[in-house]
Structures are given as structure tokens and as C-alpha cells.
Amino acid sequence: MMIESVKAYLLGLQDKICSDLEAEDGQQKFRQEKWDREAGGGGRTRVLEKGAVFEQAGVNFSHVFGDRLPPSATAARPELAGRSFQALGISLVIHPRNPYVPTSHANVRFFIASKNEVRQDDTADDSEDIWWFGGGYDLTPYYPNMEDIIHWHRVARAACLPFGDDVYPRFKKSCDDYFYLGHRNETRGVGGLFFDDLNEWGFDRSFDFMRAIGDSYLPAYMPIVQRRKQLDYGDRERDFQLYRRGRYVEFNLVYDRGTLFGLQSGGRTESILMSLPPVVNWRYNWQPEAGSPEATLADYLVPRNWLEDQ
């Protein structure tokens, strides 16, 4: 296994995504902070704030290692408890300014859990090592548009297709299941892809798949941004966007395993919580007016086959 090749890809992906987002925004640039983790490793955090198109965008790279996996990483796999680990990944969340542009999230990552002592080189190929890839992306609209949703899922399906006809349906369902707010009985948005513990294809093919998903994020999201960023909106649409951002906060702080892993593993708190929106409105028991555009959002927050007959 070539840890350095994974790291090189992830750093290049961070550069590409940040460059394209800056070009699309046209007003603000990402500022970068490099950080070190006391227990081992570090990363580089990039945040764009108060842009013309993106109210806040965070694109983070991290490579951390330690002598014991945190509880969030072993809750579903107790056999890994006590192992040393390395974790590399890119995680990003884009909060647009215009309410007609959906929020989006993407993540691609690579883990190694080892019975051996922590290694920081490129020799993690021992038979005792357990490795896997994970990641995906999901879309969270405030005023959903079927053209956008179908485009998003078509790109996701196309990225998966070279790896098998069953891959998109499998990871699309995983996304619906994962990005679900059980206490609200609704999905976080209109889904996308989510995969974890991917190693059954072998390292090379699994790495190819992770790259296919990482490389497909911009083609999935940017056309949506470009179609919607100039639409007129007023206080009503902005207020609804800020209210619905509260659901994003709820998911990230209550359910998100990446947030828990970062905090439990001693990651940089500011980098982990950059996923939260910059401005949110909270309202007690607020309900949209029946028949209003805001009320129609609920119809989209259920798992659906968006590409049926497409």
C-alpha cells in the first residue's frame, strides 16, 4: 500500500477544489492554516469567508496517527480497539450565500489500523494491518430543483459505473441511511454517495474508486452553483435558509462520525467545526405555511430514486 500516493492525491485534490471555488466566487480567497497534532500528525485547513458566492467554504486536509484508535472508530468494529492508526483525508463543506444554491459536503479518506507501533513512513503493508477507504458527498438544498438533483445523482452514478452496476445503488442507499436525522424523521438533504470500510476490491481498485469520487465532486456541484447563484432572493428566502441551516448543525453535532473522530482523536477543534454554517437562526416549533415554497422541501427529505426513468 502506498500511503504517500494517497497523501499526494489528497493534497492535489484540496488544491484543485480550492482553486475552482475561488475562481467561481471571484471575490475572496482561501486562507490557510497549517497545524500540528500533539499526539502525531497534523494538517492544513483552508477557509474562505464572506465571499460573493460562498458565505463560508472550508476544505481541510489532515494526516493524523496515534497509538490507539478513538472510540468513534471502533464502535462498529470492536476488534480494532487498541490498534495504532493512521488516517488521511479531505473534508469540505460549502455554505453558499444565495438560498437557491444548495449546501454541499464531500469527504474522501483512508485509514490503516495496525497491531504494530505507529509508523509514519510508506511501509504500512504488513499482513497484520487492516486498511480501508471511505467517503462520499451529499447535497442539502433549501429550495430544491429537480434539474439540480438529477444532475447531482447522474454525476454520482457515472463515477460509480466503471466499478459495477450495483455500486451506485449500494452507496446511494448508504448515503440516505447515514445522512438521516432520526429525531426529525427526515434526511439531511437529497443524498448522494456514502461508502466506508471499502477494501474488498484490493488496494489499487479501491484507491481508484476513491479518486473517481473525489474527482467527480466539482463536476457534480459547480454547474448547480453556476445555474442558481444569480437568482434573486429576499428576506423570506434568506430567513428560511438560516432556519434550515440549524438542521445541518444538529446532524454534525449529534450524528456525524467524522466530527466525533476528529474531536476524540485530538484533532484541531477549529478545523473540525469549520463545517458549521457561519450564521444560523433557531425558532421554536416553527412550521412553514401550507402550500408555500418552504413547505415543499419536506417532500424531498425522504429517500427516493431520483434517477428513475432517467
Protein backbone atom coordinates (compact mmCIF):
# COMPACT_ATOMS: atom_id res chain seq x y z
CA MET A 1 0.00 0.00 0.00
CA MET A 2 1.30 3.39 -0.93
CA ILE A 3 0.39 5.89 1.78
CA GLU A 4 2.37 8.62 0.10
CA SER A 5 0.47 8.21 -3.16
CA VAL A 6 -2.82 8.60 -1.28
CA LYS A 7 -1.49 11.67 0.50
CA ALA A 8 -0.26 13.22 -2.75
CA TYR A 9 -3.66 12.71 -4.36
CA LEU A 10 -5.50 14.25 -1.41
CA LEU A 11 -3.27 17.31 -1.31
CA GLY A 12 -3.73 17.79 -5.06
CA LEU A 13 -7.49 17.44 -4.70
CA GLN A 14 -7.54 20.09 -1.99
CA ASP A 15 -5.60 22.43 -4.29
CA LYS A 16 -7.94 21.81 -7.22
CA ILE A 17 -11.15 22.29 -5.25
CA CYS A 18 -9.92 25.48 -3.59
CA SER A 19 -8.71 26.93 -6.90
CA ASP A 20 -12.04 26.28 -8.63
CA LEU A 21 -14.09 27.64 -5.72
CA GLU A 22 -12.01 30.82 -5.62
CA ALA A 23 -12.49 31.32 -9.35
CA GLU A 24 -16.24 30.84 -9.01
CA ASP A 25 -16.52 33.19 -6.06
CA GLY A 26 -14.46 35.92 -7.70
CA GLN A 27 -14.19 37.99 -4.53
CA GLN A 28 -12.49 36.13 -1.69
CA LYS A 29 -9.54 33.76 -1.39
CA PHE A 30 -8.94 30.83 0.92
CA ARG A 31 -6.66 31.49 3.85
CA GLN A 32 -4.59 28.55 5.01
CA GLU A 33 -3.51 27.45 8.46
CA LYS A 34 -1.14 24.55 8.93
CA TRP A 35 -1.45 22.77 12.23
CA ASP A 36 0.30 20.03 14.17
CA ARG A 37 -1.35 17.45 16.38
CA GLU A 38 0.43 16.84 19.67
CA ALA A 39 -0.18 13.08 19.53
CA GLY A 40 1.05 12.81 15.93
CA GLY A 41 0.38 14.28 12.53
CA GLY A 42 -1.38 17.46 11.50
CA GLY A 43 -2.97 19.08 8.51
CA ARG A 44 -3.75 22.20 6.57
CA THR A 45 -7.06 23.98 6.94
CA ARG A 46 -8.34 26.33 4.25
CA VAL A 47 -11.34 28.59 4.79
CA LEU A 48 -12.99 31.14 2.50
CA GLU A 49 -15.27 33.60 4.28
CA LYS A 50 -17.74 36.32 3.27
CA GLY A 51 -17.44 35.68 -0.44
CA ALA A 52 -19.72 36.89 -3.18
CA VAL A 53 -20.98 33.34 -3.88
CA PHE A 54 -19.81 31.34 -0.86
CA GLU A 55 -20.65 32.73 2.55
CA GLN A 56 -18.26 30.18 4.01
CA ALA A 57 -16.32 27.32 2.48
CA GLY A 58 -13.91 25.04 4.31
CA VAL A 59 -11.63 22.49 2.61
CA ASN A 60 -9.47 20.56 5.07
CA PHE A 61 -6.64 18.08 4.68
CA SER A 62 -5.43 16.04 7.64
CA HIS A 63 -2.99 13.20 8.23
CA VAL A 64 -3.05 12.05 11.83
CA PHE A 65 -1.67 8.99 13.58
CA GLY A 66 -1.61 7.58 17.07
CA ASP A 67 -1.18 4.52 19.22
CA ARG A 68 -4.88 3.87 19.81
CA LEU A 69 -7.98 4.36 17.66
CA PRO A 70 -10.61 6.61 19.29
CA PRO A 71 -13.97 5.12 20.35
CA SER A 72 -15.84 6.53 17.34
CA ALA A 73 -13.64 4.44 15.03
CA THR A 74 -14.14 1.19 16.91
CA ALA A 75 -17.79 1.42 17.96
CA ALA A 76 -18.90 -0.66 14.96
CA ARG A 77 -15.66 -2.65 14.81
CA PRO A 78 -14.61 -3.54 18.38
CA GLU A 79 -11.95 -5.90 17.06
CA LEU A 80 -9.89 -2.82 16.15
CA ALA A 81 -9.79 -1.47 19.70
CA GLY A 82 -6.26 -0.94 20.93
CA ARG A 83 -4.66 -0.74 17.49
CA SER A 84 -2.45 2.09 16.35
CA PHE A 85 -3.68 4.01 13.34
CA GLN A 86 -3.07 6.42 10.52
CA ALA A 87 -5.88 8.47 9.00
CA LEU A 88 -5.64 10.68 5.92
CA GLY A 89 -8.46 12.61 4.36
CA ILE A 90 -10.03 15.63 2.73
CA SER A 91 -13.24 17.01 4.18
CA LEU A 92 -15.15 20.00 2.86
CA VAL A 93 -18.40 21.84 3.48
CA ILE A 94 -19.66 24.68 1.29
CA HIS A 95 -22.26 27.12 2.66
CA PRO A 96 -23.40 29.36 -0.23
CA ARG A 97 -24.80 32.84 0.17
CA ASN A 98 -27.79 32.52 -2.18
CA PRO A 99 -30.58 30.35 -0.67
CA TYR A 100 -31.24 28.83 -4.09
CA VAL A 101 -27.75 27.31 -4.13
CA PRO A 102 -27.62 24.11 -2.04
CA THR A 103 -25.11 23.49 0.69
CA SER A 104 -22.78 20.62 -0.17
CA HIS A 105 -20.40 18.32 1.67
CA ALA A 106 -17.72 15.91 0.45
CA ASN A 107 -15.15 13.70 2.10
CA VAL A 108 -12.62 11.09 0.97
CA ARG A 109 -10.38 9.29 3.43
CA PHE A 110 -8.01 6.39 4.05
CA PHE A 111 -7.41 4.51 7.32
CA ILE A 112 -4.87 1.96 8.46
CA ALA A 113 -5.21 0.17 11.79
CA SER A 114 -2.15 -1.78 12.84
CA LYS A 115 -1.12 -4.06 15.67
CA ASN A 116 2.38 -2.71 15.26
CA GLU A 117 3.82 0.51 16.60
CA VAL A 118 2.82 3.70 14.81
CA ARG A 119 4.64 4.15 11.51
CA GLN A 120 4.92 7.42 9.68
CA ASP A 121 6.57 6.10 6.52
CA ASP A 122 5.33 4.30 3.42
CA THR A 123 5.84 0.76 4.71
CA ALA A 124 2.34 0.05 6.01
CA ASP A 125 1.91 -3.23 4.14
CA ASP A 126 2.23 -5.71 7.00
CA SER A 127 -0.17 -8.63 6.99
CA GLU A 128 -1.42 -7.50 10.40
CA ASP A 129 -2.63 -4.17 9.02
CA ILE A 130 -6.30 -3.52 8.34
CA TRP A 131 -6.94 -0.70 5.89
CA TRP A 132 -9.99 0.80 4.24
CA PHE A 133 -11.18 3.73 2.16
CA GLY A 134 -14.27 5.83 2.78
CA GLY A 135 -16.01 8.98 1.67
CA GLY A 136 -18.75 10.38 -0.50
CA TYR A 137 -20.77 13.54 -0.90
CA ASP A 138 -24.29 14.82 -0.28
CA LEU A 139 -26.40 17.81 -1.30
CA THR A 140 -28.58 19.91 1.02
CA PRO A 141 -30.92 22.26 -0.85
CA TYR A 142 -33.23 24.83 0.72
CA TYR A 143 -35.36 25.35 -2.39
CA PRO A 144 -34.93 22.06 -4.29
CA ASN A 145 -34.84 21.95 -8.06
CA MET A 146 -35.22 18.62 -9.84
CA GLU A 147 -32.79 19.64 -12.59
CA ASP A 148 -30.10 20.09 -9.96
CA ILE A 149 -30.91 16.89 -8.10
CA ILE A 150 -30.91 14.77 -11.26
CA HIS A 151 -27.61 16.28 -12.38
CA TRP A 152 -26.03 15.61 -8.97
CA HIS A 153 -27.08 11.96 -9.00
CA ARG A 154 -26.20 11.42 -12.65
CA VAL A 155 -22.63 12.51 -11.98
CA ALA A 156 -22.50 10.28 -8.92
CA ARG A 157 -23.82 7.32 -10.88
CA ALA A 158 -21.37 7.90 -13.72
CA ALA A 159 -18.45 7.94 -11.28
CA CYS A 160 -19.57 4.60 -9.84
CA LEU A 161 -20.47 2.81 -13.06
CA PRO A 162 -16.93 1.63 -14.05
CA PHE A 163 -16.81 -0.26 -10.75
CA GLY A 164 -20.05 -2.19 -11.22
CA ASP A 165 -23.74 -1.69 -11.89
CA ASP A 166 -24.58 -2.26 -8.23
CA VAL A 167 -22.16 0.32 -6.80
CA TYR A 168 -24.24 3.48 -7.21
CA PRO A 169 -27.45 1.95 -5.77
CA ARG A 170 -25.45 0.47 -2.89
CA PHE A 171 -23.67 3.66 -1.89
CA LYS A 172 -26.64 5.87 -2.68
CA LYS A 173 -28.66 3.88 -0.11
CA SER A 174 -25.78 4.12 2.37
CA CYS A 175 -25.89 7.89 1.97
CA ASP A 176 -29.65 8.02 2.58
CA ASP A 177 -29.21 5.87 5.67
CA TYR A 178 -26.26 7.79 7.08
CA PHE A 179 -27.35 11.38 6.48
CA TYR A 180 -30.61 10.90 8.34
CA LEU A 181 -31.86 12.87 11.34
CA GLY A 182 -33.78 10.26 13.26
CA HIS A 183 -35.18 12.75 15.77
CA ARG A 184 -36.61 14.78 12.87
CA ASN A 185 -37.61 11.81 10.71
CA GLU A 186 -36.02 13.40 7.66
CA THR A 187 -32.90 13.09 5.54
CA ARG A 188 -30.35 15.90 5.69
CA GLY A 189 -30.92 16.63 2.03
CA VAL A 190 -31.29 14.79 -1.27
CA GLY A 191 -28.41 12.41 -0.75
CA GLY A 192 -25.57 11.35 -2.97
CA LEU A 193 -22.96 8.72 -2.09
CA PHE A 194 -21.51 7.34 1.11
CA PHE A 195 -19.07 4.46 1.47
CA ASP A 196 -16.95 3.18 4.32
CA ASP A 197 -14.77 0.17 5.19
CA LEU A 198 -14.03 -0.29 1.46
CA ASN A 199 -11.26 -2.84 0.98
CA GLU A 200 -12.85 -5.88 -0.68
CA TRP A 201 -11.66 -4.76 -4.13
CA GLY A 202 -7.99 -4.67 -3.14
CA PHE A 203 -5.90 -1.55 -2.66
CA ASP A 204 -5.43 -0.40 -6.25
CA ARG A 205 -9.08 -0.66 -7.31
CA SER A 206 -10.32 0.80 -4.01
CA PHE A 207 -7.92 3.73 -4.41
CA ASP A 208 -9.15 4.20 -7.98
CA PHE A 209 -12.70 4.37 -6.71
CA MET A 210 -11.86 6.93 -4.03
CA ARG A 211 -10.20 9.07 -6.71
CA ALA A 212 -13.21 8.70 -9.01
CA ILE A 213 -15.49 10.01 -6.26
CA GLY A 214 -13.13 12.81 -5.26
CA ASP A 215 -12.67 13.90 -8.88
CA SER A 216 -16.43 13.89 -9.55
CA TYR A 217 -17.35 16.33 -6.77
CA LEU A 218 -16.68 19.54 -8.69
CA PRO A 219 -18.48 18.34 -11.87
CA ALA A 220 -21.44 17.41 -9.66
CA TYR A 221 -21.64 20.67 -7.72
CA MET A 222 -20.30 23.56 -9.76
CA PRO A 223 -22.94 23.50 -12.54
CA ILE A 224 -25.59 23.81 -9.83
CA VAL A 225 -23.82 26.79 -8.30
CA GLN A 226 -23.50 28.44 -11.70
CA ARG A 227 -27.19 27.96 -12.51
CA ARG A 228 -28.52 29.32 -9.19
CA LYS A 229 -26.05 31.88 -7.84
CA GLN A 230 -27.60 34.84 -9.71
CA LEU A 231 -31.23 34.17 -8.78
CA ASP A 232 -32.99 36.97 -6.93
CA TYR A 233 -33.99 36.35 -3.32
CA GLY A 234 -35.29 38.37 -0.42
CA ASP A 235 -35.60 38.29 3.35
CA ARG A 236 -38.07 35.41 3.26
CA GLU A 237 -35.73 33.08 1.39
CA ARG A 238 -32.74 34.15 3.48
CA ASP A 239 -34.62 33.57 6.73
CA PHE A 240 -35.63 30.10 5.61
CA GLN A 241 -32.06 29.27 4.61
CA LEU A 242 -30.80 30.31 8.05
CA TYR A 243 -33.53 28.32 9.78
CA ARG A 244 -32.77 25.16 7.78
CA ARG A 245 -29.06 25.53 8.48
CA GLY A 246 -29.98 24.59 12.02
CA ARG A 247 -30.65 21.05 10.81
CA TYR A 248 -27.11 20.94 9.46
CA VAL A 249 -25.81 21.88 12.90
CA GLU A 250 -27.96 19.20 14.51
CA PHE A 251 -26.62 16.48 12.26
CA ASN A 252 -22.97 17.45 12.57
CA LEU A 253 -23.05 17.68 16.35
CA VAL A 254 -25.32 14.73 17.09
CA TYR A 255 -24.66 12.10 14.40
CA ASP A 256 -21.58 12.82 12.32
CA ARG A 257 -18.86 10.22 12.89
CA GLY A 258 -16.19 12.40 11.32
CA THR A 259 -16.83 15.16 13.85
CA LEU A 260 -16.65 12.66 16.69
CA PHE A 261 -13.49 11.05 15.33
CA GLY A 262 -11.77 14.41 14.98
CA LEU A 263 -12.63 15.53 18.49
CA GLN A 264 -11.92 12.17 20.12
CA SER A 265 -8.58 11.80 18.34
CA GLY A 266 -7.36 15.20 19.48
CA GLY A 267 -7.70 16.93 16.14
CA ARG A 268 -7.75 20.70 15.74
CA THR A 269 -11.14 21.84 17.03
CA GLU A 270 -11.39 24.93 14.81
CA SER A 271 -10.73 22.79 11.71
CA ILE A 272 -13.26 20.15 12.73
CA LEU A 273 -16.04 22.65 13.42
CA MET A 274 -15.48 24.71 10.27
CA SER A 275 -18.28 22.53 8.84
CA LEU A 276 -20.82 24.57 10.83
CA PRO A 277 -22.55 27.43 8.99
CA PRO A 278 -21.46 30.98 9.89
CA VAL A 279 -24.99 32.25 10.59
CA VAL A 280 -27.99 30.20 11.82
CA ASN A 281 -31.48 31.12 13.06
CA TRP A 282 -33.25 28.98 15.65
CA ARG A 283 -37.03 29.09 16.01
CA TYR A 284 -39.13 27.14 18.44
CA ASN A 285 -41.57 24.76 16.75
CA TRP A 286 -41.71 26.81 13.55
CA GLN A 287 -43.78 25.39 10.70
CA PRO A 288 -43.86 26.67 7.10
CA GLU A 289 -47.13 27.95 5.70
CA ALA A 290 -49.08 25.17 3.99
CA GLY A 291 -48.63 25.23 0.23
CA SER A 292 -45.67 27.61 0.38
CA PRO A 293 -42.36 27.00 -1.41
CA GLU A 294 -40.80 26.40 2.00
CA ALA A 295 -43.32 23.67 2.80
CA THR A 296 -42.41 21.72 -0.34
CA LEU A 297 -38.92 20.99 1.00
CA ALA A 298 -40.34 18.26 3.21
CA ASP A 299 -41.34 16.29 0.10
CA TYR A 300 -37.66 15.98 -0.82
CA LEU A 301 -36.35 14.91 2.57
CA VAL A 302 -37.18 11.23 2.12
CA PRO A 303 -35.12 8.58 0.33
CA ARG A 304 -36.09 8.48 -3.34
CA ASN A 305 -34.77 7.03 -6.58
CA TRP A 306 -34.01 10.36 -8.20
CA LEU A 307 -32.82 8.75 -11.43
CA GLU A 308 -35.81 6.52 -12.03
CA ASP A 309 -36.59 6.56 -15.76
CA GLN A 310 -33.65 8.92 -16.34
